[in-house]
Amino acid sequence: MAMDIKYNVVKEIAILSEKSNGWTKQLNLISWNDGEPKYDIRDWAPEREKMGKGVTLTAAELQCLSDALQELEL
């Protein structure tokens, strides 16, 4: 039995990339199943009718990732 996943995009933050088929990798603040909003990175279909697998981060986790990224020499 499939479980319906409810989500609400609280804030659109950034489109990180776009594929030729229109799917985009996005960073958003999303409330999943009426829970506390978390930062979310995942692929989305053009009208958000489908989504790919992604990762959700709390504000503290996002800060830790930000700190780690700033230390990288890109």
PDB file of N, CA and C in Angstrom:
ATOM      1  N   MET A   1       0.847  -1.183   0.000  1.00  0.00           N
ATOM      2  CA  MET A   1       0.000   0.000   0.000  1.00  0.00           C
ATOM      3  C   MET A   1       0.888   1.241   0.000  1.00  0.00           C
ATOM      4  N   ALA A   2       0.661   2.131  -0.957  1.00  0.00           N
ATOM      5  CA  ALA A   2       1.456   3.351  -1.073  1.00  0.00           C
ATOM      6  C   ALA A   2       0.973   4.395  -0.072  1.00  0.00           C
ATOM      7  N   MET A   3       1.946   5.078   0.524  1.00  0.00           N
ATOM      8  CA  MET A   3       1.611   6.129   1.472  1.00  0.00           C
ATOM      9  C   MET A   3       1.709   7.478   0.764  1.00  0.00           C
ATOM     10  N   ASP A   4       0.677   8.296   0.907  1.00  0.00           N
ATOM     11  CA  ASP A   4       0.720   9.629   0.319  1.00  0.00           C
ATOM     12  C   ASP A   4       1.631  10.508   1.154  1.00  0.00           C
ATOM     13  N   ILE A   5       2.497  11.220   0.479  1.00  0.00           N
ATOM     14  CA  ILE A   5       3.409  12.142   1.151  1.00  0.00           C
ATOM     15  C   ILE A   5       2.889  13.549   0.916  1.00  0.00           C
ATOM     16  N   LYS A   6       2.640  14.254   2.002  1.00  0.00           N
ATOM     17  CA  LYS A   6       2.152  15.622   1.930  1.00  0.00           C
ATOM     18  C   LYS A   6       3.334  16.560   2.124  1.00  0.00           C
ATOM     19  N   TYR A   7       3.428  17.574   1.270  1.00  0.00           N
ATOM     20  CA  TYR A   7       4.509  18.539   1.428  1.00  0.00           C
ATOM     21  C   TYR A   7       4.029  19.939   1.089  1.00  0.00           C
ATOM     22  N   ASN A   8       4.680  20.905   1.712  1.00  0.00           N
ATOM     23  CA  ASN A   8       4.388  22.305   1.449  1.00  0.00           C
ATOM     24  C   ASN A   8       5.723  23.032   1.305  1.00  0.00           C
ATOM     25  N   VAL A   9       5.951  23.613   0.131  1.00  0.00           N
ATOM     26  CA  VAL A   9       7.172  24.388  -0.080  1.00  0.00           C
ATOM     27  C   VAL A   9       6.977  25.733   0.608  1.00  0.00           C
ATOM     28  N   VAL A  10       7.643  25.901   1.744  1.00  0.00           N
ATOM     29  CA  VAL A  10       7.512  27.111   2.545  1.00  0.00           C
ATOM     30  C   VAL A  10       8.301  28.257   1.905  1.00  0.00           C
ATOM     31  N   LYS A  11       9.496  27.932   1.375  1.00  0.00           N
ATOM     32  CA  LYS A  11      10.322  28.957   0.759  1.00  0.00           C
ATOM     33  C   LYS A  11      11.183  28.335  -0.336  1.00  0.00           C
ATOM     34  N   GLU A  12      11.125  28.907  -1.526  1.00  0.00           N
ATOM     35  CA  GLU A  12      12.010  28.497  -2.618  1.00  0.00           C
ATOM     36  C   GLU A  12      13.313  29.271  -2.447  1.00  0.00           C
ATOM     37  N   ILE A  13      14.426  28.540  -2.324  1.00  0.00           N
ATOM     38  CA  ILE A  13      15.698  29.198  -2.045  1.00  0.00           C
ATOM     39  C   ILE A  13      16.575  29.304  -3.284  1.00  0.00           C
ATOM     40  N   ALA A  14      16.775  28.181  -4.007  1.00  0.00           N
ATOM     41  CA  ALA A  14      17.657  28.230  -5.182  1.00  0.00           C
ATOM     42  C   ALA A  14      17.404  27.046  -6.103  1.00  0.00           C
ATOM     43  N   ILE A  15      17.588  27.299  -7.395  1.00  0.00           N
ATOM     44  CA  ILE A  15      17.676  26.221  -8.376  1.00  0.00           C
ATOM     45  C   ILE A  15      19.163  25.996  -8.605  1.00  0.00           C
ATOM     46  N   LEU A  16      19.623  24.790  -8.297  1.00  0.00           N
ATOM     47  CA  LEU A  16      21.039  24.478  -8.372  1.00  0.00           C
ATOM     48  C   LEU A  16      21.471  24.038  -9.765  1.00  0.00           C
ATOM     49  N   SER A  17      20.562  23.381 -10.492  1.00  0.00           N
ATOM     50  CA  SER A  17      20.855  22.959 -11.862  1.00  0.00           C
ATOM     51  C   SER A  17      19.550  22.614 -12.566  1.00  0.00           C
ATOM     52  N   GLU A  18      19.626  22.541 -13.902  1.00  0.00           N
ATOM     53  CA  GLU A  18      18.461  22.160 -14.698  1.00  0.00           C
ATOM     54  C   GLU A  18      18.904  21.200 -15.779  1.00  0.00           C
ATOM     55  N   LYS A  19      18.131  20.113 -15.953  1.00  0.00           N
ATOM     56  CA  LYS A  19      18.417  19.119 -16.981  1.00  0.00           C
ATOM     57  C   LYS A  19      17.648  19.460 -18.251  1.00  0.00           C
ATOM     58  N   SER A  20      18.037  18.848 -19.355  1.00  0.00           N
ATOM     59  CA  SER A  20      17.398  19.129 -20.640  1.00  0.00           C
ATOM     60  C   SER A  20      15.922  18.726 -20.656  1.00  0.00           C
ATOM     61  N   ASN A  21      15.517  17.796 -19.779  1.00  0.00           N
ATOM     62  CA  ASN A  21      14.115  17.371 -19.729  1.00  0.00           C
ATOM     63  C   ASN A  21      13.255  18.278 -18.856  1.00  0.00           C
ATOM     64  N   GLY A  22      13.847  19.351 -18.303  1.00  0.00           N
ATOM     65  CA  GLY A  22      13.092  20.308 -17.505  1.00  0.00           C
ATOM     66  C   GLY A  22      13.156  20.080 -16.002  1.00  0.00           C
ATOM     67  N   TRP A  23      13.656  18.918 -15.577  1.00  0.00           N
ATOM     68  CA  TRP A  23      13.799  18.659 -14.146  1.00  0.00           C
ATOM     69  C   TRP A  23      14.864  19.579 -13.582  1.00  0.00           C
ATOM     70  N   THR A  24      14.649  20.047 -12.350  1.00  0.00           N
ATOM     71  CA  THR A  24      15.611  20.931 -11.703  1.00  0.00           C
ATOM     72  C   THR A  24      15.996  20.374 -10.340  1.00  0.00           C
ATOM     73  N   LYS A  25      17.241  20.604  -9.966  1.00  0.00           N
ATOM     74  CA  LYS A  25      17.705  20.286  -8.610  1.00  0.00           C
ATOM     75  C   LYS A  25      17.548  21.568  -7.820  1.00  0.00           C
ATOM     76  N   GLN A  26      16.773  21.500  -6.722  1.00  0.00           N
ATOM     77  CA  GLN A  26      16.416  22.697  -5.980  1.00  0.00           C
ATOM     78  C   GLN A  26      16.789  22.588  -4.510  1.00  0.00           C
ATOM     79  N   LEU A  27      17.051  23.743  -3.917  1.00  0.00           N
ATOM     80  CA  LEU A  27      17.175  23.873  -2.467  1.00  0.00           C
ATOM     81  C   LEU A  27      15.958  24.669  -2.012  1.00  0.00           C
ATOM     82  N   ASN A  28      15.144  24.041  -1.167  1.00  0.00           N
ATOM     83  CA  ASN A  28      13.922  24.665  -0.672  1.00  0.00           C
ATOM     84  C   ASN A  28      13.776  24.413   0.821  1.00  0.00           C
ATOM     85  N   LEU A  29      12.928  25.191   1.451  1.00  0.00           N
ATOM     86  CA  LEU A  29      12.501  24.946   2.825  1.00  0.00           C
ATOM     87  C   LEU A  29      11.121  24.299   2.711  1.00  0.00           C
ATOM     88  N   ILE A  30      11.008  23.047   3.169  1.00  0.00           N
ATOM     89  CA  ILE A  30       9.782  22.271   2.960  1.00  0.00           C
ATOM     90  C   ILE A  30       9.279  21.686   4.268  1.00  0.00           C
ATOM     91  N   SER A  31       7.960  21.749   4.445  1.00  0.00           N
ATOM     92  CA  SER A  31       7.293  21.054   5.541  1.00  0.00           C
ATOM     93  C   SER A  31       6.770  19.732   4.984  1.00  0.00           C
ATOM     94  N   TRP A  32       7.248  18.613   5.532  1.00  0.00           N
ATOM     95  CA  TRP A  32       6.817  17.283   5.110  1.00  0.00           C
ATOM     96  C   TRP A  32       5.778  16.766   6.095  1.00  0.00           C
ATOM     97  N   ASN A  33       4.622  16.346   5.581  1.00  0.00           N
ATOM     98  CA  ASN A  33       3.549  15.770   6.412  1.00  0.00           C
ATOM     99  C   ASN A  33       3.229  16.656   7.618  1.00  0.00           C
ATOM    100  N   ASP A  34       3.114  17.956   7.370  1.00  0.00           N
ATOM    101  CA  ASP A  34       2.759  18.958   8.383  1.00  0.00           C
ATOM    102  C   ASP A  34       3.795  19.093   9.497  1.00  0.00           C
ATOM    103  N   GLY A  35       5.012  18.620   9.261  1.00  0.00           N
ATOM    104  CA  GLY A  35       6.065  18.716  10.265  1.00  0.00           C
ATOM    105  C   GLY A  35       6.792  20.051  10.203  1.00  0.00           C
ATOM    106  N   GLU A  36       7.757  20.197  11.095  1.00  0.00           N
ATOM    107  CA  GLU A  36       8.600  21.395  11.126  1.00  0.00           C
ATOM    108  C   GLU A  36       9.344  21.507   9.793  1.00  0.00           C
ATOM    109  N   PRO A  37       9.351  22.675   9.164  1.00  0.00           N
ATOM    110  CA  PRO A  37      10.055  22.821   7.879  1.00  0.00           C
ATOM    111  C   PRO A  37      11.542  22.502   8.005  1.00  0.00           C
ATOM    112  N   LYS A  38      12.064  21.836   6.972  1.00  0.00           N
ATOM    113  CA  LYS A  38      13.486  21.502   6.902  1.00  0.00           C
ATOM    114  C   LYS A  38      13.998  21.912   5.531  1.00  0.00           C
ATOM    115  N   TYR A  39      15.304  22.114   5.471  1.00  0.00           N
ATOM    116  CA  TYR A  39      15.938  22.434   4.199  1.00  0.00           C
ATOM    117  C   TYR A  39      16.040  21.148   3.395  1.00  0.00           C
ATOM    118  N   ASP A  40      15.777  21.246   2.106  1.00  0.00           N
ATOM    119  CA  ASP A  40      15.637  20.060   1.274  1.00  0.00           C
ATOM    120  C   ASP A  40      16.333  20.275  -0.069  1.00  0.00           C
ATOM    121  N   ILE A  41      17.143  19.306  -0.463  1.00  0.00           N
ATOM    122  CA  ILE A  41      17.795  19.323  -1.773  1.00  0.00           C
ATOM    123  C   ILE A  41      17.317  18.088  -2.524  1.00  0.00           C
ATOM    124  N   ARG A  42      16.675  18.292  -3.679  1.00  0.00           N
ATOM    125  CA  ARG A  42      16.213  17.163  -4.497  1.00  0.00           C
ATOM    126  C   ARG A  42      15.853  17.630  -5.894  1.00  0.00           C
ATOM    127  N   ASP A  43      15.682  16.657  -6.795  1.00  0.00           N
ATOM    128  CA  ASP A  43      15.244  16.927  -8.161  1.00  0.00           C
ATOM    129  C   ASP A  43      13.720  16.997  -8.199  1.00  0.00           C
ATOM    130  N   TRP A  44      13.213  17.935  -9.003  1.00  0.00           N
ATOM    131  CA  TRP A  44      11.773  18.110  -9.175  1.00  0.00           C
ATOM    132  C   TRP A  44      11.436  18.174 -10.663  1.00  0.00           C
ATOM    133  N   ALA A  45      10.284  17.592 -11.010  1.00  0.00           N
ATOM    134  CA  ALA A  45       9.741  17.727 -12.361  1.00  0.00           C
ATOM    135  C   ALA A  45       9.301  19.180 -12.546  1.00  0.00           C
ATOM    136  N   PRO A  46       9.103  19.608 -13.801  1.00  0.00           N
ATOM    137  CA  PRO A  46       8.804  21.024 -14.066  1.00  0.00           C
ATOM    138  C   PRO A  46       7.662  21.633 -13.248  1.00  0.00           C
ATOM    139  N   GLU A  47       6.590  20.923 -13.018  1.00  0.00           N
ATOM    140  CA  GLU A  47       5.464  21.477 -12.257  1.00  0.00           C
ATOM    141  C   GLU A  47       5.379  20.878 -10.849  1.00  0.00           C
ATOM    142  N   ARG A  48       6.484  20.298 -10.389  1.00  0.00           N
ATOM    143  CA  ARG A  48       6.562  19.627  -9.076  1.00  0.00           C
ATOM    144  C   ARG A  48       5.543  18.496  -8.949  1.00  0.00           C
ATOM    145  N   GLU A  49       5.146  17.899 -10.100  1.00  0.00           N
ATOM    146  CA  GLU A  49       4.215  16.782 -10.046  1.00  0.00           C
ATOM    147  C   GLU A  49       4.933  15.485  -9.669  1.00  0.00           C
ATOM    148  N   LYS A  50       6.250  15.466  -9.823  1.00  0.00           N
ATOM    149  CA  LYS A  50       7.056  14.315  -9.420  1.00  0.00           C
ATOM    150  C   LYS A  50       8.324  14.828  -8.765  1.00  0.00           C
ATOM    151  N   MET A  51       8.915  13.976  -7.914  1.00  0.00           N
ATOM    152  CA  MET A  51      10.160  14.354  -7.252  1.00  0.00           C
ATOM    153  C   MET A  51      11.107  13.172  -7.237  1.00  0.00           C
ATOM    154  N   GLY A  52      12.389  13.483  -7.189  1.00  0.00           N
ATOM    155  CA  GLY A  52      13.399  12.454  -7.036  1.00  0.00           C
ATOM    156  C   GLY A  52      13.769  12.308  -5.569  1.00  0.00           C
ATOM    157  N   LYS A  53      14.663  11.362  -5.313  1.00  0.00           N
ATOM    158  CA  LYS A  53      15.154  11.202  -3.946  1.00  0.00           C
ATOM    159  C   LYS A  53      15.986  12.421  -3.577  1.00  0.00           C
ATOM    160  N   GLY A  54      15.976  12.755  -2.309  1.00  0.00           N
ATOM    161  CA  GLY A  54      16.710  13.929  -1.880  1.00  0.00           C
ATOM    162  C   GLY A  54      17.217  13.772  -0.468  1.00  0.00           C
ATOM    163  N   VAL A  55      17.669  14.882   0.072  1.00  0.00           N
ATOM    164  CA  VAL A  55      18.165  14.912   1.438  1.00  0.00           C
ATOM    165  C   VAL A  55      17.541  16.108   2.145  1.00  0.00           C
ATOM    166  N   THR A  56      17.121  15.893   3.403  1.00  0.00           N
ATOM    167  CA  THR A  56      16.582  16.983   4.196  1.00  0.00           C
ATOM    168  C   THR A  56      17.545  17.282   5.339  1.00  0.00           C
ATOM    169  N   LEU A  57      17.650  18.550   5.668  1.00  0.00           N
ATOM    170  CA  LEU A  57      18.593  19.010   6.685  1.00  0.00           C
ATOM    171  C   LEU A  57      17.914  19.986   7.640  1.00  0.00           C
ATOM    172  N   THR A  58      18.231  19.859   8.913  1.00  0.00           N
ATOM    173  CA  THR A  58      17.786  20.859   9.877  1.00  0.00           C
ATOM    174  C   THR A  58      18.628  22.117   9.663  1.00  0.00           C
ATOM    175  N   ALA A  59      18.254  23.199  10.310  1.00  0.00           N
ATOM    176  CA  ALA A  59      19.040  24.431  10.205  1.00  0.00           C
ATOM    177  C   ALA A  59      20.467  24.204  10.710  1.00  0.00           C
ATOM    178  N   ALA A  60      20.619  23.448  11.795  1.00  0.00           N
ATOM    179  CA  ALA A  60      21.955  23.164  12.345  1.00  0.00           C
ATOM    180  C   ALA A  60      22.783  22.330  11.368  1.00  0.00           C
ATOM    181  N   GLU A  61      22.167  21.355  10.726  1.00  0.00           N
ATOM    182  CA  GLU A  61      22.873  20.530   9.746  1.00  0.00           C
ATOM    183  C   GLU A  61      23.271  21.355   8.524  1.00  0.00           C
ATOM    184  N   LEU A  62      22.373  22.252   8.089  1.00  0.00           N
ATOM    185  CA  LEU A  62      22.690  23.109   6.951  1.00  0.00           C
ATOM    186  C   LEU A  62      23.843  24.045   7.288  1.00  0.00           C
ATOM    187  N   GLN A  63      23.883  24.564   8.511  1.00  0.00           N
ATOM    188  CA  GLN A  63      24.982  25.428   8.940  1.00  0.00           C
ATOM    189  C   GLN A  63      26.297  24.654   8.938  1.00  0.00           C
ATOM    190  N   CYS A  64      26.279  23.428   9.420  1.00  0.00           N
ATOM    191  CA  CYS A  64      27.475  22.581   9.429  1.00  0.00           C
ATOM    192  C   CYS A  64      27.950  22.318   7.996  1.00  0.00           C
ATOM    193  N   LEU A  65      27.015  22.039   7.089  1.00  0.00           N
ATOM    194  CA  LEU A  65      27.373  21.828   5.686  1.00  0.00           C
ATOM    195  C   LEU A  65      27.942  23.098   5.078  1.00  0.00           C
ATOM    196  N   SER A  66      27.338  24.228   5.374  1.00  0.00           N
ATOM    197  CA  SER A  66      27.838  25.520   4.878  1.00  0.00           C
ATOM    198  C   SER A  66      29.267  25.774   5.345  1.00  0.00           C
ATOM    199  N   ASP A  67      29.517  25.511   6.613  1.00  0.00           N
ATOM    200  CA  ASP A  67      30.863  25.690   7.157  1.00  0.00           C
ATOM    201  C   ASP A  67      31.864  24.777   6.440  1.00  0.00           C
ATOM    202  N   ALA A  68      31.480  23.529   6.223  1.00  0.00           N
ATOM    203  CA  ALA A  68      32.367  22.574   5.551  1.00  0.00           C
ATOM    204  C   ALA A  68      32.643  23.000   4.109  1.00  0.00           C
ATOM    205  N   LEU A  69      31.619  23.492   3.411  1.00  0.00           N
ATOM    206  CA  LEU A  69      31.782  23.919   2.025  1.00  0.00           C
ATOM    207  C   LEU A  69      32.697  25.133   1.916  1.00  0.00           C
ATOM    208  N   GLN A  70      32.632  26.025   2.896  1.00  0.00           N
ATOM    209  CA  GLN A  70      33.492  27.210   2.869  1.00  0.00           C
ATOM    210  C   GLN A  70      34.964  26.852   3.024  1.00  0.00           C
ATOM    211  N   GLU A  71      35.243  25.705   3.642  1.00  0.00           N
ATOM    212  CA  GLU A  71      36.616  25.274   3.835  1.00  0.00           C
ATOM    213  C   GLU A  71      37.203  24.595   2.596  1.00  0.00           C
ATOM    214  N   LEU A  72      36.339  24.197   1.663  1.00  0.00           N
ATOM    215  CA  LEU A  72      36.808  23.558   0.432  1.00  0.00           C
ATOM    216  C   LEU A  72      37.479  24.568  -0.482  1.00  0.00           C
ATOM    217  N   GLU A  73      38.482  24.125  -1.171  1.00  0.00           N
ATOM    218  CA  GLU A  73      39.125  24.961  -2.183  1.00  0.00           C
ATOM    219  C   GLU A  73      38.622  24.513  -3.547  1.00  0.00           C
ATOM    220  N   LEU A  74      37.612  25.191  -4.031  1.00  0.00           N
ATOM    221  CA  LEU A  74      37.004  24.826  -5.317  1.00  0.00           C
ATOM    222  C   LEU A  74      37.627  25.586  -6.460  1.00  0.00           C
TER     223      LEU A  74
END
